[in-house]
Amino acid sequence: MPEEKETPKEKSFKDALAAYGKSIKVFRKGDFKKAADAIKEFLKEYPSEMELTERANIYLNICEGRLNKEKITLKTFSDYYQYGVYKMNQGEFKESLKALEKAREKKPKEGKVFYLMANVFCLMENEKKCLEYLKKAVKMDNFFGLLAQNETNFEAFQENKKFNLITKASLDYSRVEVAADTRRRG
């Protein structure tokens, strides 16, 4: 049987497929700048391979999106605090804690930072740190103890003795404040 010879079209497709594969390997390594360059080179060299160029354009868009991430400039206490909330809600707890630490540096006596850090540690299932930061928050403002008792993130601690001591102390203090207010008005 005579050996079938590869047609120029088949050879071109094989070459295009190999070049496409190389550019995608670079993409998978996470080097989006090099991947974008490799994909652009592929698109320039093999524009007629429509099936591959469509896919390559998708990868190129992803590369460009990752390279053009909007940089957020954080300056104020509020910037860091809000970014910490955002990162917590995204499930990026370490990033959240970094931002909250910066917020705490700006306003070291702001209880809501400690309360949010307690929330983050709770979500990370770090009971010791969670209760440590909750205690600090409650010492700054008793309201955080009341809030913690109704916060779904702290539900797992409702039977925890330390949690109850921290939040009960805020309840007792709040009752004393209400009683004192009532006497002043009376």
C-alpha atoms as a PDB file:
ATOM      1  CA  MET A   1       0.000   0.000   0.000  1.00  0.00           C
ATOM      2  CA  PRO A   2       1.310   3.394  -0.885  1.00  0.00           C
ATOM      3  CA  GLU A   3       1.925   5.723   2.066  1.00  0.00           C
ATOM      4  CA  GLU A   4      -0.506   8.637   2.157  1.00  0.00           C
ATOM      5  CA  LYS A   5       1.203  11.931   1.927  1.00  0.00           C
ATOM      6  CA  GLU A   6       0.168  14.780   4.173  1.00  0.00           C
ATOM      7  CA  THR A   7      -1.509  17.596   2.289  1.00  0.00           C
ATOM      8  CA  PRO A   8      -0.305  21.187   2.780  1.00  0.00           C
ATOM      9  CA  LYS A   9      -3.623  21.979   4.496  1.00  0.00           C
ATOM     10  CA  GLU A  10      -3.180  19.095   6.954  1.00  0.00           C
ATOM     11  CA  LYS A  11       0.421  20.138   7.627  1.00  0.00           C
ATOM     12  CA  SER A  12      -0.684  23.725   8.234  1.00  0.00           C
ATOM     13  CA  PHE A  13      -3.376  22.572  10.670  1.00  0.00           C
ATOM     14  CA  LYS A  14      -0.882  20.368  12.546  1.00  0.00           C
ATOM     15  CA  ASP A  15       1.556  23.268  12.818  1.00  0.00           C
ATOM     16  CA  ALA A  16      -1.236  25.585  13.944  1.00  0.00           C
ATOM     17  CA  LEU A  17      -2.399  23.068  16.531  1.00  0.00           C
ATOM     18  CA  ALA A  18       1.144  22.733  17.893  1.00  0.00           C
ATOM     19  CA  ALA A  19       1.559  26.529  18.117  1.00  0.00           C
ATOM     20  CA  TYR A  20      -1.853  26.874  19.761  1.00  0.00           C
ATOM     21  CA  GLY A  21      -0.950  24.160  22.269  1.00  0.00           C
ATOM     22  CA  LYS A  22       2.302  25.918  23.199  1.00  0.00           C
ATOM     23  CA  SER A  23       0.515  29.211  23.830  1.00  0.00           C
ATOM     24  CA  ILE A  24      -2.099  27.507  26.018  1.00  0.00           C
ATOM     25  CA  LYS A  25       0.653  25.805  28.063  1.00  0.00           C
ATOM     26  CA  VAL A  26       2.048  29.252  28.846  1.00  0.00           C
ATOM     27  CA  PHE A  27      -1.465  30.415  29.785  1.00  0.00           C
ATOM     28  CA  ARG A  28      -1.906  27.477  32.189  1.00  0.00           C
ATOM     29  CA  LYS A  29       1.336  28.405  33.941  1.00  0.00           C
ATOM     30  CA  GLY A  30      -0.287  31.723  34.834  1.00  0.00           C
ATOM     31  CA  ASP A  31       2.132  33.978  32.984  1.00  0.00           C
ATOM     32  CA  PHE A  32      -0.562  36.012  31.251  1.00  0.00           C
ATOM     33  CA  LYS A  33       1.815  38.504  29.653  1.00  0.00           C
ATOM     34  CA  LYS A  34       3.825  35.766  27.917  1.00  0.00           C
ATOM     35  CA  ALA A  35       0.626  33.872  27.107  1.00  0.00           C
ATOM     36  CA  ALA A  36      -0.931  36.962  25.515  1.00  0.00           C
ATOM     37  CA  ASP A  37       2.213  37.484  23.419  1.00  0.00           C
ATOM     38  CA  ALA A  38       2.254  33.818  22.356  1.00  0.00           C
ATOM     39  CA  ILE A  39      -1.444  33.870  21.462  1.00  0.00           C
ATOM     40  CA  LYS A  40      -1.045  37.094  19.452  1.00  0.00           C
ATOM     41  CA  GLU A  41       1.834  35.495  17.576  1.00  0.00           C
ATOM     42  CA  PHE A  42      -0.311  32.416  16.916  1.00  0.00           C
ATOM     43  CA  LEU A  43      -3.190  34.574  15.633  1.00  0.00           C
ATOM     44  CA  LYS A  44      -0.839  36.488  13.353  1.00  0.00           C
ATOM     45  CA  GLU A  45       0.732  33.330  11.953  1.00  0.00           C
ATOM     46  CA  TYR A  46      -2.433  31.204  11.547  1.00  0.00           C
ATOM     47  CA  PRO A  47      -5.395  33.524  10.881  1.00  0.00           C
ATOM     48  CA  SER A  48      -7.087  31.038   8.552  1.00  0.00           C
ATOM     49  CA  GLU A  49      -7.500  28.326  11.220  1.00  0.00           C
ATOM     50  CA  MET A  50     -10.901  29.628  12.331  1.00  0.00           C
ATOM     51  CA  GLU A  51     -11.699  26.976  14.915  1.00  0.00           C
ATOM     52  CA  LEU A  52      -8.389  27.534  16.704  1.00  0.00           C
ATOM     53  CA  THR A  53      -8.385  31.321  16.314  1.00  0.00           C
ATOM     54  CA  GLU A  54     -11.821  31.560  17.941  1.00  0.00           C
ATOM     55  CA  ARG A  55     -10.559  29.677  20.967  1.00  0.00           C
ATOM     56  CA  ALA A  56      -7.295  31.625  20.994  1.00  0.00           C
ATOM     57  CA  ASN A  57      -9.236  34.906  21.046  1.00  0.00           C
ATOM     58  CA  ILE A  58     -11.131  33.727  24.129  1.00  0.00           C
ATOM     59  CA  TYR A  59      -7.854  32.973  25.899  1.00  0.00           C
ATOM     60  CA  LEU A  60      -6.425  36.294  24.742  1.00  0.00           C
ATOM     61  CA  ASN A  61      -9.403  38.131  26.264  1.00  0.00           C
ATOM     62  CA  ILE A  62      -8.867  36.282  29.548  1.00  0.00           C
ATOM     63  CA  CYS A  63      -5.160  37.203  29.519  1.00  0.00           C
ATOM     64  CA  GLU A  64      -5.908  40.842  28.856  1.00  0.00           C
ATOM     65  CA  GLY A  65      -8.551  40.889  31.560  1.00  0.00           C
ATOM     66  CA  ARG A  66      -6.123  39.488  34.101  1.00  0.00           C
ATOM     67  CA  LEU A  67      -3.381  41.886  33.037  1.00  0.00           C
ATOM     68  CA  ASN A  68      -5.668  44.922  33.149  1.00  0.00           C
ATOM     69  CA  LYS A  69      -7.086  44.330  36.610  1.00  0.00           C
ATOM     70  CA  GLU A  70      -8.187  47.582  38.087  1.00  0.00           C
ATOM     71  CA  LYS A  71      -5.807  48.646  40.826  1.00  0.00           C
ATOM     72  CA  ILE A  72      -7.536  49.843  43.951  1.00  0.00           C
ATOM     73  CA  THR A  73      -5.814  52.539  45.950  1.00  0.00           C
ATOM     74  CA  LEU A  74      -6.588  52.324  49.629  1.00  0.00           C
ATOM     75  CA  LYS A  75      -5.775  55.353  51.742  1.00  0.00           C
ATOM     76  CA  THR A  76      -8.299  56.027  54.462  1.00  0.00           C
ATOM     77  CA  PHE A  77      -9.610  54.033  57.383  1.00  0.00           C
ATOM     78  CA  SER A  78     -12.906  53.637  55.551  1.00  0.00           C
ATOM     79  CA  ASP A  79     -11.143  52.392  52.385  1.00  0.00           C
ATOM     80  CA  TYR A  80      -9.351  49.641  54.297  1.00  0.00           C
ATOM     81  CA  TYR A  81     -12.400  48.729  56.365  1.00  0.00           C
ATOM     82  CA  GLN A  82     -14.731  48.481  53.359  1.00  0.00           C
ATOM     83  CA  TYR A  83     -12.141  46.512  51.389  1.00  0.00           C
ATOM     84  CA  GLY A  84     -11.846  44.153  54.373  1.00  0.00           C
ATOM     85  CA  VAL A  85     -15.620  43.635  54.291  1.00  0.00           C
ATOM     86  CA  TYR A  86     -15.511  43.048  50.531  1.00  0.00           C
ATOM     87  CA  LYS A  87     -12.691  40.494  50.803  1.00  0.00           C
ATOM     88  CA  MET A  88     -14.459  38.714  53.668  1.00  0.00           C
ATOM     89  CA  ASN A  89     -17.604  38.435  51.548  1.00  0.00           C
ATOM     90  CA  GLN A  90     -15.503  37.069  48.683  1.00  0.00           C
ATOM     91  CA  GLY A  91     -14.127  34.380  50.997  1.00  0.00           C
ATOM     92  CA  GLU A  92     -10.605  35.829  50.767  1.00  0.00           C
ATOM     93  CA  PHE A  93     -10.036  35.842  54.507  1.00  0.00           C
ATOM     94  CA  LYS A  94      -6.281  36.467  54.593  1.00  0.00           C
ATOM     95  CA  GLU A  95      -6.688  39.490  52.314  1.00  0.00           C
ATOM     96  CA  SER A  96      -9.553  40.682  54.480  1.00  0.00           C
ATOM     97  CA  LEU A  97      -7.411  40.467  57.608  1.00  0.00           C
ATOM     98  CA  LYS A  98      -4.573  42.379  55.919  1.00  0.00           C
ATOM     99  CA  ALA A  99      -6.927  45.215  55.022  1.00  0.00           C
ATOM    100  CA  LEU A 100      -8.496  45.223  58.493  1.00  0.00           C
ATOM    101  CA  GLU A 101      -5.071  45.327  60.100  1.00  0.00           C
ATOM    102  CA  LYS A 102      -4.319  48.462  58.064  1.00  0.00           C
ATOM    103  CA  ALA A 103      -7.663  49.936  59.146  1.00  0.00           C
ATOM    104  CA  ARG A 104      -6.787  49.146  62.753  1.00  0.00           C
ATOM    105  CA  GLU A 105      -3.460  50.955  62.360  1.00  0.00           C
ATOM    106  CA  LYS A 106      -5.362  54.045  61.228  1.00  0.00           C
ATOM    107  CA  LYS A 107      -7.929  53.887  64.055  1.00  0.00           C
ATOM    108  CA  PRO A 108      -6.662  51.595  66.821  1.00  0.00           C
ATOM    109  CA  LYS A 109      -9.645  52.212  69.088  1.00  0.00           C
ATOM    110  CA  GLU A 110     -12.362  51.456  66.524  1.00  0.00           C
ATOM    111  CA  GLY A 111     -14.359  48.507  67.857  1.00  0.00           C
ATOM    112  CA  LYS A 112     -15.986  47.633  64.569  1.00  0.00           C
ATOM    113  CA  VAL A 113     -12.596  46.613  63.149  1.00  0.00           C
ATOM    114  CA  PHE A 114     -12.069  44.139  65.988  1.00  0.00           C
ATOM    115  CA  TYR A 115     -15.617  42.869  65.583  1.00  0.00           C
ATOM    116  CA  LEU A 116     -15.151  42.276  61.861  1.00  0.00           C
ATOM    117  CA  MET A 117     -11.809  40.577  62.502  1.00  0.00           C
ATOM    118  CA  ALA A 118     -13.603  38.294  64.985  1.00  0.00           C
ATOM    119  CA  ASN A 119     -16.101  37.505  62.215  1.00  0.00           C
ATOM    120  CA  VAL A 120     -13.307  36.657  59.782  1.00  0.00           C
ATOM    121  CA  PHE A 121     -11.564  34.407  62.299  1.00  0.00           C
ATOM    122  CA  CYS A 122     -14.897  32.750  62.992  1.00  0.00           C
ATOM    123  CA  LEU A 123     -15.328  32.045  59.274  1.00  0.00           C
ATOM    124  CA  MET A 124     -11.780  30.654  59.243  1.00  0.00           C
ATOM    125  CA  GLU A 125     -12.836  28.392  62.141  1.00  0.00           C
ATOM    126  CA  ASN A 126     -10.138  29.864  64.388  1.00  0.00           C
ATOM    127  CA  GLU A 127     -12.047  29.899  67.683  1.00  0.00           C
ATOM    128  CA  LYS A 128      -9.209  31.282  69.814  1.00  0.00           C
ATOM    129  CA  LYS A 129      -8.588  34.337  67.609  1.00  0.00           C
ATOM    130  CA  CYS A 130     -12.302  34.836  67.036  1.00  0.00           C
ATOM    131  CA  LEU A 131     -13.030  35.068  70.748  1.00  0.00           C
ATOM    132  CA  GLU A 132      -9.912  37.159  71.383  1.00  0.00           C
ATOM    133  CA  TYR A 133     -11.011  39.805  68.870  1.00  0.00           C
ATOM    134  CA  LEU A 134     -14.644  39.644  69.928  1.00  0.00           C
ATOM    135  CA  LYS A 135     -13.583  40.325  73.521  1.00  0.00           C
ATOM    136  CA  LYS A 136     -11.563  43.351  72.374  1.00  0.00           C
ATOM    137  CA  ALA A 137     -14.533  44.652  70.378  1.00  0.00           C
ATOM    138  CA  VAL A 138     -16.911  44.235  73.313  1.00  0.00           C
ATOM    139  CA  LYS A 139     -14.486  46.034  75.639  1.00  0.00           C
ATOM    140  CA  MET A 140     -14.584  48.991  73.242  1.00  0.00           C
ATOM    141  CA  ASP A 141     -18.359  48.952  72.833  1.00  0.00           C
ATOM    142  CA  ASN A 142     -20.854  46.612  74.509  1.00  0.00           C
ATOM    143  CA  PHE A 143     -23.059  46.765  71.462  1.00  0.00           C
ATOM    144  CA  PHE A 144     -20.773  44.249  69.736  1.00  0.00           C
ATOM    145  CA  GLY A 145     -21.642  41.626  72.348  1.00  0.00           C
ATOM    146  CA  LEU A 146     -25.331  42.068  71.610  1.00  0.00           C
ATOM    147  CA  LEU A 147     -24.628  41.995  67.905  1.00  0.00           C
ATOM    148  CA  ALA A 148     -22.569  38.799  68.202  1.00  0.00           C
ATOM    149  CA  GLN A 149     -25.443  37.008  69.918  1.00  0.00           C
ATOM    150  CA  ASN A 150     -27.586  37.604  66.848  1.00  0.00           C
ATOM    151  CA  GLU A 151     -24.919  37.189  64.177  1.00  0.00           C
ATOM    152  CA  THR A 152     -25.242  34.006  62.115  1.00  0.00           C
ATOM    153  CA  ASN A 153     -21.447  33.697  61.836  1.00  0.00           C
ATOM    154  CA  PHE A 154     -21.298  33.204  65.614  1.00  0.00           C
ATOM    155  CA  GLU A 155     -24.111  30.623  65.848  1.00  0.00           C
ATOM    156  CA  ALA A 156     -21.591  27.835  66.357  1.00  0.00           C
ATOM    157  CA  PHE A 157     -20.423  29.563  69.551  1.00  0.00           C
ATOM    158  CA  GLN A 158     -23.835  29.978  71.193  1.00  0.00           C
ATOM    159  CA  GLU A 159     -23.060  27.118  73.614  1.00  0.00           C
ATOM    160  CA  ASN A 160     -19.407  28.135  74.102  1.00  0.00           C
ATOM    161  CA  LYS A 161     -18.692  29.251  77.691  1.00  0.00           C
ATOM    162  CA  LYS A 162     -16.110  31.876  76.687  1.00  0.00           C
ATOM    163  CA  PHE A 163     -18.431  33.313  74.040  1.00  0.00           C
ATOM    164  CA  ASN A 164     -21.251  33.509  76.561  1.00  0.00           C
ATOM    165  CA  LEU A 165     -19.019  35.166  79.163  1.00  0.00           C
ATOM    166  CA  ILE A 166     -17.941  37.777  76.630  1.00  0.00           C
ATOM    167  CA  THR A 167     -21.435  38.499  75.335  1.00  0.00           C
ATOM    168  CA  LYS A 168     -23.175  38.124  78.723  1.00  0.00           C
ATOM    169  CA  ALA A 169     -20.836  40.741  80.170  1.00  0.00           C
ATOM    170  CA  SER A 170     -22.021  43.150  77.497  1.00  0.00           C
ATOM    171  CA  LEU A 171     -25.660  42.338  78.259  1.00  0.00           C
ATOM    172  CA  ASP A 172     -25.186  42.927  81.990  1.00  0.00           C
ATOM    173  CA  TYR A 173     -23.392  46.202  81.345  1.00  0.00           C
ATOM    174  CA  SER A 174     -26.106  47.289  78.906  1.00  0.00           C
ATOM    175  CA  ARG A 175     -28.783  46.625  81.548  1.00  0.00           C
ATOM    176  CA  VAL A 176     -26.847  48.778  84.026  1.00  0.00           C
ATOM    177  CA  GLU A 177     -26.635  51.577  81.433  1.00  0.00           C
ATOM    178  CA  VAL A 178     -30.395  51.352  80.725  1.00  0.00           C
ATOM    179  CA  ALA A 179     -31.174  51.386  84.454  1.00  0.00           C
ATOM    180  CA  ALA A 180     -28.914  54.400  84.970  1.00  0.00           C
ATOM    181  CA  ASP A 181     -30.583  56.201  82.021  1.00  0.00           C
ATOM    182  CA  THR A 182     -34.010  55.452  83.484  1.00  0.00           C
ATOM    183  CA  ARG A 183     -32.993  56.827  86.886  1.00  0.00           C
ATOM    184  CA  ARG A 184     -31.580  59.995  85.305  1.00  0.00           C
ATOM    185  CA  ARG A 185     -34.797  60.637  83.420  1.00  0.00           C
ATOM    186  CA  GLY A 186     -37.071  59.667  86.320  1.00  0.00           C
END
